[in-house]
Protein backbone atom coordinates (compact mmCIF):
# COMPACT_ATOMS: atom_id res chain seq x y z
CA UNK A 1 0.17 -0.14 0.03
CA UNK A 2 1.34 3.55 -0.87
CA UNK A 3 2.38 5.48 1.89
CA UNK A 4 0.27 8.52 2.03
CA UNK A 5 0.80 12.79 3.39
CA UNK A 6 -1.81 13.07 5.93
CA UNK A 7 -3.44 16.55 6.81
CA UNK A 8 -6.56 17.47 8.44
CA UNK A 9 -8.23 18.78 5.24
CA UNK A 10 -6.93 15.66 3.49
CA UNK A 11 -8.27 13.40 6.11
CA UNK A 12 -11.64 15.48 6.06
CA UNK A 13 -11.77 15.00 2.77
CA UNK A 14 -11.55 11.45 2.34
CA UNK A 15 -13.77 11.00 5.22
CA UNK A 16 -16.48 12.88 3.52
CA UNK A 17 -16.25 11.20 0.33
CA UNK A 18 -15.55 7.92 2.00
CA UNK A 19 -19.48 7.83 3.53
CA UNK A 20 -20.85 9.72 0.12
CA UNK A 21 -19.19 6.85 -1.67
CA UNK A 22 -20.64 4.01 0.53
CA UNK A 23 -23.89 5.62 1.25
CA UNK A 24 -25.20 7.33 -2.10
CA UNK A 25 -22.53 5.34 -4.71
CA UNK A 26 -19.25 6.64 -6.40
CA UNK A 27 -20.90 7.85 -9.88
CA UNK A 28 -23.77 9.10 -8.10
CA UNK A 29 -21.69 11.48 -5.86
CA UNK A 30 -19.62 14.45 -7.88
CA UNK A 31 -16.60 15.87 -6.98
CA UNK A 32 -18.51 19.34 -6.49
CA UNK A 33 -20.82 17.46 -3.51
CA UNK A 34 -17.78 15.98 -2.01
CA UNK A 35 -16.12 19.49 -1.65
CA UNK A 36 -19.28 21.13 -0.56
CA UNK A 37 -20.03 18.48 2.11
CA UNK A 38 -16.07 18.49 3.29
CA UNK A 39 -15.64 22.34 3.38
CA UNK A 40 -12.24 22.23 1.23
CA UNK A 41 -11.43 23.80 -1.86
CA UNK A 42 -10.61 22.27 -5.36
CA UNK A 43 -7.19 23.42 -4.84
CA UNK A 44 -7.10 21.18 -1.61
CA UNK A 45 -8.36 18.40 -3.34
CA UNK A 46 -5.94 18.44 -6.10
CA UNK A 47 -2.97 18.81 -3.71
CA UNK A 48 -4.22 15.44 -2.57
CA UNK A 49 -5.97 13.44 -4.79
CA UNK A 50 -5.12 13.99 -9.18
CA UNK A 51 -9.02 13.56 -9.51
CA UNK A 52 -12.11 11.34 -8.35
CA UNK A 53 -10.72 8.20 -9.32
CA UNK A 54 -7.33 8.51 -7.08
CA UNK A 55 -10.10 9.83 -4.20
CA UNK A 56 -11.85 6.73 -4.85
CA UNK A 57 -8.73 4.67 -4.40
CA UNK A 58 -8.14 6.16 -1.47
CA UNK A 59 -11.41 5.39 -0.21
CA UNK A 60 -11.16 1.67 -0.48
CA UNK A 61 -7.44 1.78 0.77
CA UNK A 62 -9.08 3.36 3.92
CA UNK A 63 -11.39 0.50 3.96
CA UNK A 64 -8.54 -2.34 3.65
CA UNK A 65 -6.64 -0.44 5.97
CA UNK A 66 -9.28 -0.50 8.42
CA UNK A 67 -10.34 -4.56 7.99
CA UNK A 68 -6.62 -5.29 8.37
CA UNK A 69 -6.56 -3.44 11.62
CA UNK A 70 -9.36 -5.89 12.72
CA UNK A 71 -7.27 -8.68 12.22
CA UNK A 72 -4.16 -7.20 13.56
CA UNK A 73 -6.10 -6.50 16.67
CA UNK A 74 -7.72 -10.33 16.79
CA UNK A 75 -4.28 -11.53 16.54
CA UNK A 76 -2.66 -9.35 19.48
CA UNK A 77 -5.11 -10.91 22.05
CA UNK A 78 -3.44 -14.24 21.13
CA UNK A 79 -5.61 -17.30 21.52
CA UNK A 80 -5.26 -20.45 19.39
CA UNK A 81 -5.81 -21.05 15.89
CA UNK A 82 -8.99 -22.11 16.02
CA UNK A 83 -9.96 -19.20 18.74
CA UNK A 84 -8.89 -16.67 16.15
CA UNK A 85 -10.63 -18.10 13.48
CA UNK A 86 -13.87 -18.12 15.53
CA UNK A 87 -13.12 -14.38 16.17
CA UNK A 88 -12.91 -13.53 12.66
CA UNK A 89 -16.04 -15.19 11.82
CA UNK A 90 -17.56 -13.33 14.86
CA UNK A 91 -16.00 -10.40 13.66
CA UNK A 92 -17.27 -10.60 10.45
CA UNK A 93 -20.87 -10.92 11.46
CA UNK A 94 -20.55 -7.69 13.65
CA UNK A 95 -18.78 -5.62 11.08
CA UNK A 96 -21.91 -6.71 8.05
CA UNK A 97 -24.38 -5.80 10.91
CA UNK A 98 -22.59 -2.20 12.05
CA UNK A 99 -20.75 -0.65 9.60
CA UNK A 100 -21.21 -2.12 5.82
CA UNK A 101 -25.26 -2.48 6.04
CA UNK A 102 -24.91 -1.34 2.45
CA UNK A 103 -23.19 -4.32 0.84
CA UNK A 104 -19.14 -4.62 0.77
CA UNK A 105 -17.49 -1.54 -0.42
CA UNK A 106 -15.23 -3.47 -2.65
CA UNK A 107 -18.15 -5.26 -4.38
CA UNK A 108 -20.00 -2.06 -4.96
CA UNK A 109 -16.84 -0.18 -6.32
CA UNK A 110 -16.18 -3.07 -8.84
CA UNK A 111 -19.54 -3.07 -9.88
CA UNK A 112 -19.03 0.98 -10.51
CA UNK A 113 -15.42 0.30 -12.16
CA UNK A 114 -16.05 -2.46 -15.01
CA UNK A 115 -12.38 -2.11 -16.47
CA UNK A 116 -10.50 -4.84 -14.24
CA UNK A 117 -6.90 -2.90 -15.13
CA UNK A 118 -8.59 0.53 -13.62
CA UNK A 119 -6.63 1.46 -10.56
CA UNK A 120 -9.79 0.93 -8.48
CA UNK A 121 -10.15 -2.83 -9.58
CA UNK A 122 -6.15 -3.51 -8.53
CA UNK A 123 -7.12 -2.32 -5.01
CA UNK A 124 -9.97 -4.70 -4.80
CA UNK A 125 -8.02 -7.18 -5.88
CA UNK A 126 -5.37 -6.90 -3.49
CA UNK A 127 -7.50 -6.69 -0.72
CA UNK A 128 -9.41 -10.19 -1.82
CA UNK A 129 -5.87 -11.58 -2.20
CA UNK A 130 -5.20 -10.65 0.94
CA UNK A 131 -8.29 -11.78 2.78
CA UNK A 132 -8.00 -15.09 0.79
CA UNK A 133 -4.23 -15.56 1.70
CA UNK A 134 -5.29 -14.61 5.78
CA UNK A 135 -8.08 -16.97 5.78
CA UNK A 136 -5.89 -19.50 3.97
CA UNK A 137 -3.21 -19.14 6.84
CA UNK A 138 -6.05 -19.05 9.80
CA UNK A 139 -7.56 -22.49 8.54
CA UNK A 140 -4.05 -24.37 7.90
CA UNK A 141 -2.99 -22.90 11.45
CA UNK A 142 -6.44 -24.24 12.86
CA UNK A 143 -5.58 -27.88 11.34
CA UNK A 144 -8.23 -27.91 8.69
CA UNK A 145 -8.53 -30.86 5.92
CA UNK A 146 -8.52 -28.57 3.07
CA UNK A 147 -7.45 -24.95 4.61
CA UNK A 148 -7.56 -23.33 1.00
CA UNK A 149 -11.01 -24.61 0.30
CA UNK A 150 -12.60 -23.60 3.52
CA UNK A 151 -10.58 -20.38 2.83
CA UNK A 152 -12.28 -19.98 -0.45
CA UNK A 153 -15.90 -21.01 1.12
CA UNK A 154 -14.96 -18.17 4.16
CA UNK A 155 -14.21 -15.64 1.41
CA UNK A 156 -17.81 -16.37 -0.71
CA UNK A 157 -19.63 -16.56 2.46
CA UNK A 158 -18.51 -13.10 3.33
CA UNK A 159 -19.32 -11.82 0.16
CA UNK A 160 -22.89 -12.97 0.53
CA UNK A 161 -23.01 -12.03 4.03
CA UNK A 162 -22.48 -8.32 3.21
CA UNK A 163 -25.12 -8.49 0.35
CA UNK A 164 -27.36 -10.20 2.46
CA UNK A 165 -27.31 -7.69 5.10
CA UNK A 166 -28.11 -5.40 2.60
CA UNK A 167 -30.88 -6.96 1.00
CA UNK A 168 -32.50 -8.75 3.68
CA UNK A 169 -31.63 -7.32 6.82
CA UNK A 170 -29.01 -7.76 9.56
CA UNK A 171 -30.22 -10.04 11.89
CA UNK A 172 -31.12 -13.12 9.02
CA UNK A 173 -28.21 -12.87 6.93
CA UNK A 174 -25.65 -12.39 10.10
CA UNK A 175 -26.99 -15.47 12.04
CA UNK A 176 -27.07 -17.36 8.75
CA UNK A 177 -23.42 -16.21 8.14
CA UNK A 178 -22.19 -17.35 11.66
CA UNK A 179 -23.51 -20.54 11.56
CA UNK A 180 -22.47 -21.35 7.97
CA UNK A 181 -19.12 -20.06 8.41
CA UNK A 182 -18.83 -21.70 11.94
CA UNK A 183 -19.21 -24.98 10.16
CA UNK A 184 -16.95 -24.21 7.07
CA UNK A 185 -14.37 -23.44 9.48
CA UNK A 186 -14.98 -26.86 11.75
CA UNK A 187 -15.98 -24.67 14.82
CA UNK A 188 -18.37 -25.46 17.41
CA UNK A 189 -21.88 -24.06 16.15
CA UNK A 190 -23.30 -23.46 19.64
CA UNK A 191 -20.23 -21.33 21.19
CA UNK A 192 -20.41 -17.73 20.21
CA UNK A 193 -18.00 -15.59 21.04
CA UNK A 194 -19.53 -12.22 19.92
CA UNK A 195 -20.34 -10.01 23.10
CA UNK A 196 -22.97 -8.54 21.62
CA UNK A 197 -25.31 -11.33 21.69
């Protein structure tokens, strides 16, 4: 991930753009609206981002950084590989229920950027590759008989959960994801590590 220069106006611009892009769609939100809501000038934007696509890339990198941070925090608590895998399953369910109620930001962005070679799709690809590789490491460490297949299934289940929460509501989709993902991960279906349940 590229190193970025931070400043209060840049951060405010990025936070504003991220909220608008996620809630209303990327193509549906113009640069003028982002600038007005962030309270920054066009010159400030161009100092940090050469155009809207660069702002979209930064938004997705922020999403990626946040999700990677969840994994880092979970790993820092220690525990067995199975306990960490359970924490990841519960974390995905919690994230879908609380923060990503309008679907997956990476899937949503991919739907709006059809060119697979665009910088936006490159960020999506890096995130998905990292997510799948990280799950493969976890399922391998947890001793699953076919860790790559289990990791691939967990990626698909996360995709389905994020879409399902948006279309069907958080309770039904979150519960279905949690029980199915725990079964795929070889975890006890009756054990719930989610503190909010």
